[in-house]
Amino acid sequence: MILDDLMATGGTALAFAQLIHENFDVLKNILRQAVINLPELSRSDLIKARCYLVENLIEFLETQWSVLQKNL
């Protein structure tokens, strides 16, 4: 399992999953979890296409971020 605080471009998760795959011969049973996912930037589809499992706790849309910034 790869646990990440923020899923943006997915580069860290993909690199880490590749390291696990190459060094421990784990093929498909790698789960990438993130607390916050930014779907507009997210590469979750790319990670899924490489046969890794993906789960996110919170989906945070760009419009929600704009509202949050206005209220700060």
PDB file of N, CA and C in Angstrom:
ATOM      1  N   MET A   1       0.839  -1.175   0.000  1.00  0.00           N
ATOM      2  CA  MET A   1       0.000   0.000   0.000  1.00  0.00           C
ATOM      3  C   MET A   1       0.887   1.242   0.000  1.00  0.00           C
ATOM      4  N   ILE A   2       0.556   2.173  -0.861  1.00  0.00           N
ATOM      5  CA  ILE A   2       1.213   3.470  -0.914  1.00  0.00           C
ATOM      6  C   ILE A   2       0.214   4.485  -0.374  1.00  0.00           C
ATOM      7  N   LEU A   3       0.559   5.180   0.686  1.00  0.00           N
ATOM      8  CA  LEU A   3      -0.330   6.174   1.283  1.00  0.00           C
ATOM      9  C   LEU A   3       0.268   7.547   1.041  1.00  0.00           C
ATOM     10  N   ASP A   4      -0.531   8.425   0.455  1.00  0.00           N
ATOM     11  CA  ASP A   4      -0.073   9.762   0.094  1.00  0.00           C
ATOM     12  C   ASP A   4      -1.053  10.768   0.672  1.00  0.00           C
ATOM     13  N   ASP A   5      -0.550  11.945   1.045  1.00  0.00           N
ATOM     14  CA  ASP A   5      -1.450  12.966   1.571  1.00  0.00           C
ATOM     15  C   ASP A   5      -2.243  13.645   0.469  1.00  0.00           C
ATOM     16  N   LEU A   6      -1.622  13.856  -0.688  1.00  0.00           N
ATOM     17  CA  LEU A   6      -2.260  14.591  -1.768  1.00  0.00           C
ATOM     18  C   LEU A   6      -1.964  13.931  -3.110  1.00  0.00           C
ATOM     19  N   MET A   7      -3.021  13.681  -3.873  1.00  0.00           N
ATOM     20  CA  MET A   7      -2.879  13.118  -5.212  1.00  0.00           C
ATOM     21  C   MET A   7      -3.077  14.256  -6.205  1.00  0.00           C
ATOM     22  N   ALA A   8      -1.997  14.676  -6.834  1.00  0.00           N
ATOM     23  CA  ALA A   8      -2.091  15.727  -7.842  1.00  0.00           C
ATOM     24  C   ALA A   8      -1.764  15.116  -9.205  1.00  0.00           C
ATOM     25  N   THR A   9      -0.507  15.069  -9.563  1.00  0.00           N
ATOM     26  CA  THR A   9      -0.134  14.533 -10.875  1.00  0.00           C
ATOM     27  C   THR A   9       0.067  13.027 -10.856  1.00  0.00           C
ATOM     28  N   GLY A  10       0.291  12.450  -9.684  1.00  0.00           N
ATOM     29  CA  GLY A  10       0.467  11.009  -9.581  1.00  0.00           C
ATOM     30  C   GLY A  10       1.890  10.529  -9.804  1.00  0.00           C
ATOM     31  N   GLY A  11       2.815  11.453 -10.045  1.00  0.00           N
ATOM     32  CA  GLY A  11       4.190  11.074 -10.335  1.00  0.00           C
ATOM     33  C   GLY A  11       4.858  10.303  -9.209  1.00  0.00           C
ATOM     34  N   THR A  12       4.682  10.755  -7.976  1.00  0.00           N
ATOM     35  CA  THR A  12       5.292  10.079  -6.838  1.00  0.00           C
ATOM     36  C   THR A  12       4.729   8.675  -6.674  1.00  0.00           C
ATOM     37  N   ALA A  13       3.418   8.557  -6.774  1.00  0.00           N
ATOM     38  CA  ALA A  13       2.772   7.250  -6.609  1.00  0.00           C
ATOM     39  C   ALA A  13       3.219   6.275  -7.696  1.00  0.00           C
ATOM     40  N   LEU A  14       3.284   6.739  -8.931  1.00  0.00           N
ATOM     41  CA  LEU A  14       3.716   5.864 -10.028  1.00  0.00           C
ATOM     42  C   LEU A  14       5.172   5.437  -9.868  1.00  0.00           C
ATOM     43  N   ALA A  15       6.023   6.368  -9.477  1.00  0.00           N
ATOM     44  CA  ALA A  15       7.437   6.038  -9.291  1.00  0.00           C
ATOM     45  C   ALA A  15       7.614   5.024  -8.164  1.00  0.00           C
ATOM     46  N   PHE A  16       6.906   5.235  -7.068  1.00  0.00           N
ATOM     47  CA  PHE A  16       7.015   4.326  -5.935  1.00  0.00           C
ATOM     48  C   PHE A  16       6.465   2.942  -6.290  1.00  0.00           C
ATOM     49  N   ALA A  17       5.341   2.901  -6.972  1.00  0.00           N
ATOM     50  CA  ALA A  17       4.760   1.619  -7.388  1.00  0.00           C
ATOM     51  C   ALA A  17       5.712   0.877  -8.328  1.00  0.00           C
ATOM     52  N   GLN A  18       6.361   1.620  -9.220  1.00  0.00           N
ATOM     53  CA  GLN A  18       7.316   0.998 -10.138  1.00  0.00           C
ATOM     54  C   GLN A  18       8.510   0.420  -9.377  1.00  0.00           C
ATOM     55  N   LEU A  19       8.990   1.130  -8.366  1.00  0.00           N
ATOM     56  CA  LEU A  19      10.088   0.620  -7.533  1.00  0.00           C
ATOM     57  C   LEU A  19       9.690  -0.670  -6.822  1.00  0.00           C
ATOM     58  N   ILE A  20       8.472  -0.703  -6.283  1.00  0.00           N
ATOM     59  CA  ILE A  20       7.988  -1.912  -5.612  1.00  0.00           C
ATOM     60  C   ILE A  20       7.905  -3.058  -6.614  1.00  0.00           C
ATOM     61  N   HIS A  21       7.348  -2.764  -7.773  1.00  0.00           N
ATOM     62  CA  HIS A  21       7.204  -3.781  -8.825  1.00  0.00           C
ATOM     63  C   HIS A  21       8.567  -4.333  -9.249  1.00  0.00           C
ATOM     64  N   GLU A  22       9.520  -3.465  -9.515  1.00  0.00           N
ATOM     65  CA  GLU A  22      10.826  -3.891 -10.014  1.00  0.00           C
ATOM     66  C   GLU A  22      11.664  -4.620  -8.961  1.00  0.00           C
ATOM     67  N   ASN A  23      11.597  -4.181  -7.719  1.00  0.00           N
ATOM     68  CA  ASN A  23      12.476  -4.729  -6.682  1.00  0.00           C
ATOM     69  C   ASN A  23      11.882  -5.895  -5.911  1.00  0.00           C
ATOM     70  N   PHE A  24      10.559  -6.013  -5.896  1.00  0.00           N
ATOM     71  CA  PHE A  24       9.923  -7.069  -5.119  1.00  0.00           C
ATOM     72  C   PHE A  24       9.022  -7.965  -5.950  1.00  0.00           C
ATOM     73  N   ASP A  25       9.021  -7.759  -7.264  1.00  0.00           N
ATOM     74  CA  ASP A  25       8.250  -8.575  -8.198  1.00  0.00           C
ATOM     75  C   ASP A  25       6.763  -8.613  -7.859  1.00  0.00           C
ATOM     76  N   VAL A  26       6.251  -7.504  -7.334  1.00  0.00           N
ATOM     77  CA  VAL A  26       4.823  -7.366  -7.074  1.00  0.00           C
ATOM     78  C   VAL A  26       4.207  -6.774  -8.330  1.00  0.00           C
ATOM     79  N   LEU A  27       3.209  -7.464  -8.879  1.00  0.00           N
ATOM     80  CA  LEU A  27       2.664  -7.017 -10.155  1.00  0.00           C
ATOM     81  C   LEU A  27       1.438  -6.129 -10.040  1.00  0.00           C
ATOM     82  N   LYS A  28       0.364  -6.643  -9.456  1.00  0.00           N
ATOM     83  CA  LYS A  28      -0.895  -5.907  -9.511  1.00  0.00           C
ATOM     84  C   LYS A  28      -1.479  -5.556  -8.154  1.00  0.00           C
ATOM     85  N   ASN A  29      -1.008  -6.105  -7.102  1.00  0.00           N
ATOM     86  CA  ASN A  29      -1.630  -5.904  -5.801  1.00  0.00           C
ATOM     87  C   ASN A  29      -1.048  -4.719  -5.048  1.00  0.00           C
ATOM     88  N   ILE A  30      -0.830  -3.627  -5.755  1.00  0.00           N
ATOM     89  CA  ILE A  30      -0.337  -2.414  -5.122  1.00  0.00           C
ATOM     90  C   ILE A  30      -1.509  -1.442  -5.032  1.00  0.00           C
ATOM     91  N   LEU A  31      -1.797  -0.993  -3.836  1.00  0.00           N
ATOM     92  CA  LEU A  31      -2.892  -0.058  -3.598  1.00  0.00           C
ATOM     93  C   LEU A  31      -2.309   1.318  -3.327  1.00  0.00           C
ATOM     94  N   ARG A  32      -2.753   2.316  -4.072  1.00  0.00           N
ATOM     95  CA  ARG A  32      -2.346   3.697  -3.854  1.00  0.00           C
ATOM     96  C   ARG A  32      -3.516   4.433  -3.247  1.00  0.00           C
ATOM     97  N   GLN A  33      -3.343   4.926  -2.031  1.00  0.00           N
ATOM     98  CA  GLN A  33      -4.388   5.673  -1.348  1.00  0.00           C
ATOM     99  C   GLN A  33      -3.926   7.098  -1.109  1.00  0.00           C
ATOM    100  N   ALA A  34      -4.858   8.037  -1.206  1.00  0.00           N
ATOM    101  CA  ALA A  34      -4.559   9.430  -0.906  1.00  0.00           C
ATOM    102  C   ALA A  34      -5.659   9.993  -0.028  1.00  0.00           C
ATOM    103  N   VAL A  35      -5.285  10.891   0.849  1.00  0.00           N
ATOM    104  CA  VAL A  35      -6.280  11.558   1.684  1.00  0.00           C
ATOM    105  C   VAL A  35      -7.078  12.521   0.821  1.00  0.00           C
ATOM    106  N   ILE A  36      -6.382  13.337   0.031  1.00  0.00           N
ATOM    107  CA  ILE A  36      -7.050  14.322  -0.822  1.00  0.00           C
ATOM    108  C   ILE A  36      -6.662  14.069  -2.279  1.00  0.00           C
ATOM    109  N   ASN A  37      -7.657  14.034  -3.137  1.00  0.00           N
ATOM    110  CA  ASN A  37      -7.431  13.887  -4.569  1.00  0.00           C
ATOM    111  C   ASN A  37      -7.865  15.170  -5.267  1.00  0.00           C
ATOM    112  N   LEU A  38      -7.033  15.656  -6.175  1.00  0.00           N
ATOM    113  CA  LEU A  38      -7.383  16.802  -7.009  1.00  0.00           C
ATOM    114  C   LEU A  38      -7.715  16.259  -8.396  1.00  0.00           C
ATOM    115  N   PRO A  39      -8.993  15.959  -8.665  1.00  0.00           N
ATOM    116  CA  PRO A  39      -9.364  15.266  -9.897  1.00  0.00           C
ATOM    117  C   PRO A  39      -8.975  15.995 -11.184  1.00  0.00           C
ATOM    118  N   GLU A  40      -8.965  17.343 -11.151  1.00  0.00           N
ATOM    119  CA  GLU A  40      -8.595  18.080 -12.353  1.00  0.00           C
ATOM    120  C   GLU A  40      -7.129  17.843 -12.735  1.00  0.00           C
ATOM    121  N   LEU A  41      -6.286  17.567 -11.765  1.00  0.00           N
ATOM    122  CA  LEU A  41      -4.865  17.311 -12.013  1.00  0.00           C
ATOM    123  C   LEU A  41      -4.531  15.828 -11.952  1.00  0.00           C
ATOM    124  N   SER A  42      -5.409  15.068 -11.355  1.00  0.00           N
ATOM    125  CA  SER A  42      -5.126  13.678 -11.008  1.00  0.00           C
ATOM    126  C   SER A  42      -4.854  12.800 -12.212  1.00  0.00           C
ATOM    127  N   ARG A  43      -3.940  11.889 -12.011  1.00  0.00           N
ATOM    128  CA  ARG A  43      -3.625  10.892 -13.024  1.00  0.00           C
ATOM    129  C   ARG A  43      -4.100   9.520 -12.559  1.00  0.00           C
ATOM    130  N   SER A  44      -5.181   9.489 -11.794  1.00  0.00           N
ATOM    131  CA  SER A  44      -5.701   8.222 -11.281  1.00  0.00           C
ATOM    132  C   SER A  44      -5.977   7.232 -12.411  1.00  0.00           C
ATOM    133  N   ASP A  45      -6.468   7.731 -13.547  1.00  0.00           N
ATOM    134  CA  ASP A  45      -6.748   6.838 -14.682  1.00  0.00           C
ATOM    135  C   ASP A  45      -5.476   6.179 -15.201  1.00  0.00           C
ATOM    136  N   LEU A  46      -4.385   6.952 -15.229  1.00  0.00           N
ATOM    137  CA  LEU A  46      -3.111   6.395 -15.666  1.00  0.00           C
ATOM    138  C   LEU A  46      -2.623   5.328 -14.689  1.00  0.00           C
ATOM    139  N   ILE A  47      -2.773   5.590 -13.415  1.00  0.00           N
ATOM    140  CA  ILE A  47      -2.363   4.618 -12.397  1.00  0.00           C
ATOM    141  C   ILE A  47      -3.214   3.353 -12.514  1.00  0.00           C
ATOM    142  N   LYS A  48      -4.515   3.518 -12.687  1.00  0.00           N
ATOM    143  CA  LYS A  48      -5.408   2.369 -12.861  1.00  0.00           C
ATOM    144  C   LYS A  48      -5.056   1.588 -14.129  1.00  0.00           C
ATOM    145  N   ALA A  49      -4.694   2.312 -15.195  1.00  0.00           N
ATOM    146  CA  ALA A  49      -4.351   1.656 -16.454  1.00  0.00           C
ATOM    147  C   ALA A  49      -3.111   0.773 -16.304  1.00  0.00           C
ATOM    148  N   ARG A  50      -2.272   1.091 -15.339  1.00  0.00           N
ATOM    149  CA  ARG A  50      -1.082   0.277 -15.086  1.00  0.00           C
ATOM    150  C   ARG A  50      -1.360  -0.821 -14.065  1.00  0.00           C
ATOM    151  N   CYS A  51      -2.647  -1.098 -13.844  1.00  0.00           N
ATOM    152  CA  CYS A  51      -3.117  -2.209 -13.011  1.00  0.00           C
ATOM    153  C   CYS A  51      -2.852  -2.015 -11.525  1.00  0.00           C
ATOM    154  N   TYR A  52      -2.755  -0.774 -11.081  1.00  0.00           N
ATOM    155  CA  TYR A  52      -2.651  -0.502  -9.653  1.00  0.00           C
ATOM    156  C   TYR A  52      -4.022  -0.072  -9.147  1.00  0.00           C
ATOM    157  N   LEU A  53      -4.317  -0.382  -7.923  1.00  0.00           N
ATOM    158  CA  LEU A  53      -5.588  -0.003  -7.310  1.00  0.00           C
ATOM    159  C   LEU A  53      -5.483   1.426  -6.779  1.00  0.00           C
ATOM    160  N   VAL A  54      -6.577   2.173  -6.866  1.00  0.00           N
ATOM    161  CA  VAL A  54      -6.580   3.573  -6.445  1.00  0.00           C
ATOM    162  C   VAL A  54      -7.781   3.829  -5.549  1.00  0.00           C
ATOM    163  N   GLU A  55      -7.538   4.476  -4.411  1.00  0.00           N
ATOM    164  CA  GLU A  55      -8.605   4.915  -3.518  1.00  0.00           C
ATOM    165  C   GLU A  55      -8.268   6.308  -3.000  1.00  0.00           C
ATOM    166  N   ASN A  56      -9.301   7.141  -2.864  1.00  0.00           N
ATOM    167  CA  ASN A  56      -9.125   8.493  -2.332  1.00  0.00           C
ATOM    168  C   ASN A  56     -10.179   8.734  -1.264  1.00  0.00           C
ATOM    169  N   LEU A  57      -9.789   9.416  -0.217  1.00  0.00           N
ATOM    170  CA  LEU A  57     -10.721   9.723   0.859  1.00  0.00           C
ATOM    171  C   LEU A  57     -11.593  10.925   0.510  1.00  0.00           C
ATOM    172  N   ILE A  58     -10.972  11.974  -0.044  1.00  0.00           N
ATOM    173  CA  ILE A  58     -11.681  13.219  -0.355  1.00  0.00           C
ATOM    174  C   ILE A  58     -11.365  13.637  -1.793  1.00  0.00           C
ATOM    175  N   GLU A  59     -12.402  14.006  -2.548  1.00  0.00           N
ATOM    176  CA  GLU A  59     -12.229  14.596  -3.874  1.00  0.00           C
ATOM    177  C   GLU A  59     -12.400  16.105  -3.698  1.00  0.00           C
ATOM    178  N   PHE A  60     -11.378  16.873  -4.051  1.00  0.00           N
ATOM    179  CA  PHE A  60     -11.399  18.317  -3.856  1.00  0.00           C
ATOM    180  C   PHE A  60     -11.338  18.993  -5.216  1.00  0.00           C
ATOM    181  N   LEU A  61     -12.476  19.534  -5.660  1.00  0.00           N
ATOM    182  CA  LEU A  61     -12.570  20.150  -6.980  1.00  0.00           C
ATOM    183  C   LEU A  61     -12.021  21.566  -6.977  1.00  0.00           C
ATOM    184  N   GLU A  62     -11.583  22.018  -8.135  1.00  0.00           N
ATOM    185  CA  GLU A  62     -11.008  23.362  -8.261  1.00  0.00           C
ATOM    186  C   GLU A  62     -12.010  24.431  -7.831  1.00  0.00           C
ATOM    187  N   THR A  63     -13.279  24.239  -8.141  1.00  0.00           N
ATOM    188  CA  THR A  63     -14.297  25.223  -7.749  1.00  0.00           C
ATOM    189  C   THR A  63     -14.409  25.300  -6.234  1.00  0.00           C
ATOM    190  N   GLN A  64     -14.243  24.186  -5.551  1.00  0.00           N
ATOM    191  CA  GLN A  64     -14.279  24.201  -4.093  1.00  0.00           C
ATOM    192  C   GLN A  64     -13.086  24.974  -3.545  1.00  0.00           C
ATOM    193  N   TRP A  65     -11.928  24.840  -4.179  1.00  0.00           N
ATOM    194  CA  TRP A  65     -10.733  25.550  -3.748  1.00  0.00           C
ATOM    195  C   TRP A  65     -10.938  27.056  -3.897  1.00  0.00           C
ATOM    196  N   SER A  66     -11.576  27.495  -4.984  1.00  0.00           N
ATOM    197  CA  SER A  66     -11.833  28.912  -5.200  1.00  0.00           C
ATOM    198  C   SER A  66     -12.719  29.482  -4.101  1.00  0.00           C
ATOM    199  N   VAL A  67     -13.745  28.751  -3.729  1.00  0.00           N
ATOM    200  CA  VAL A  67     -14.657  29.192  -2.664  1.00  0.00           C
ATOM    201  C   VAL A  67     -13.901  29.267  -1.333  1.00  0.00           C
ATOM    202  N   LEU A  68     -13.079  28.279  -1.067  1.00  0.00           N
ATOM    203  CA  LEU A  68     -12.311  28.240   0.174  1.00  0.00           C
ATOM    204  C   LEU A  68     -11.363  29.438   0.258  1.00  0.00           C
ATOM    205  N   GLN A  69     -10.691  29.748  -0.837  1.00  0.00           N
ATOM    206  CA  GLN A  69      -9.759  30.887  -0.842  1.00  0.00           C
ATOM    207  C   GLN A  69     -10.475  32.210  -0.588  1.00  0.00           C
ATOM    208  N   LYS A  70     -11.675  32.369  -1.124  1.00  0.00           N
ATOM    209  CA  LYS A  70     -12.443  33.592  -0.916  1.00  0.00           C
ATOM    210  C   LYS A  70     -12.820  33.763   0.553  1.00  0.00           C
ATOM    211  N   ASN A  71     -13.015  32.649   1.257  1.00  0.00           N
ATOM    212  CA  ASN A  71     -13.450  32.714   2.655  1.00  0.00           C
ATOM    213  C   ASN A  71     -12.289  32.803   3.651  1.00  0.00           C
ATOM    214  N   LEU A  72     -11.059  32.761   3.158  1.00  0.00           N
ATOM    215  CA  LEU A  72      -9.907  32.853   4.072  1.00  0.00           C
ATOM    216  C   LEU A  72      -9.568  34.274   4.404  1.00  0.00           C
TER     217      LEU A  72
END
